[in-house]
Amino acid sequence: MDKRIARLNIEHFRQLLAEEQGEVKRKTLLDLLAKEEEKLRKIEAAEKGKSGHNNK
């Protein structure tokens, strides 16, 4: 579920960035996007760790 939410947030922030012209709002969106991408990377790494652990 968290993975799906992170992906949806990333998609949403990218859409907003494509339309936003204001420098302050763009910086905020870029920060939010970076945090959400990092969250997704951590979720995916944890999943790989779990799946790799089961194969041993």
Protein backbone atom coordinates (compact mmCIF):
# COMPACT_ATOMS: atom_id res chain seq x y z
CA MET A 1 0.00 0.00 0.00
CA ASP A 2 2.76 2.46 0.92
CA LYS A 3 4.48 1.68 -2.37
CA ARG A 4 1.33 2.50 -4.33
CA ILE A 5 0.81 5.74 -2.44
CA ALA A 6 4.43 6.77 -3.01
CA ARG A 7 4.09 6.12 -6.75
CA LEU A 8 0.85 8.10 -6.92
CA ASN A 9 2.43 10.98 -5.02
CA ILE A 10 5.43 10.98 -7.37
CA GLU A 11 3.16 11.06 -10.40
CA HIS A 12 1.10 13.87 -8.86
CA PHE A 13 4.14 16.00 -7.96
CA ARG A 14 5.53 15.58 -11.49
CA GLN A 15 2.23 16.72 -12.98
CA LEU A 16 2.16 19.75 -10.71
CA LEU A 17 5.76 20.60 -11.62
CA ALA A 18 4.91 20.49 -15.31
CA GLU A 19 2.29 23.18 -14.77
CA GLU A 20 3.80 25.30 -11.99
CA GLN A 21 5.65 28.49 -12.91
CA GLY A 22 6.34 29.96 -9.48
CA GLU A 23 9.90 29.48 -8.23
CA VAL A 24 8.97 28.96 -4.57
CA LYS A 25 6.24 26.43 -5.33
CA ARG A 26 8.50 24.60 -7.78
CA LYS A 27 11.22 24.30 -5.13
CA THR A 28 8.69 22.93 -2.64
CA LEU A 29 7.41 20.43 -5.20
CA LEU A 30 10.95 19.35 -6.07
CA ASP A 31 11.69 18.79 -2.38
CA LEU A 32 8.49 16.77 -1.94
CA LEU A 33 9.25 14.77 -5.07
CA ALA A 34 12.77 13.95 -3.88
CA LYS A 35 11.47 12.81 -0.47
CA GLU A 36 8.81 10.63 -2.04
CA GLU A 37 11.29 9.08 -4.49
CA GLU A 38 13.59 8.28 -1.58
CA LYS A 39 10.69 6.73 0.32
CA LEU A 40 9.89 4.54 -2.70
CA ARG A 41 13.54 3.47 -3.03
CA LYS A 42 13.58 2.42 0.64
CA ILE A 43 10.34 0.46 0.28
CA GLU A 44 11.65 -1.33 -2.82
CA ALA A 45 15.00 -2.06 -1.15
CA ALA A 46 13.22 -3.53 1.87
CA GLU A 47 11.10 -5.70 -0.42
CA LYS A 48 14.21 -6.96 -2.24
CA GLY A 49 15.85 -7.70 1.09
CA LYS A 50 12.87 -9.73 2.23
CA SER A 51 12.56 -11.64 -1.03
CA GLY A 52 16.29 -12.31 -1.14
CA HIS A 53 16.24 -13.53 2.45
CA ASN A 54 13.52 -16.08 1.67
CA ASN A 55 15.61 -17.65 -1.10
CA LYS A 56 18.54 -18.50 1.18
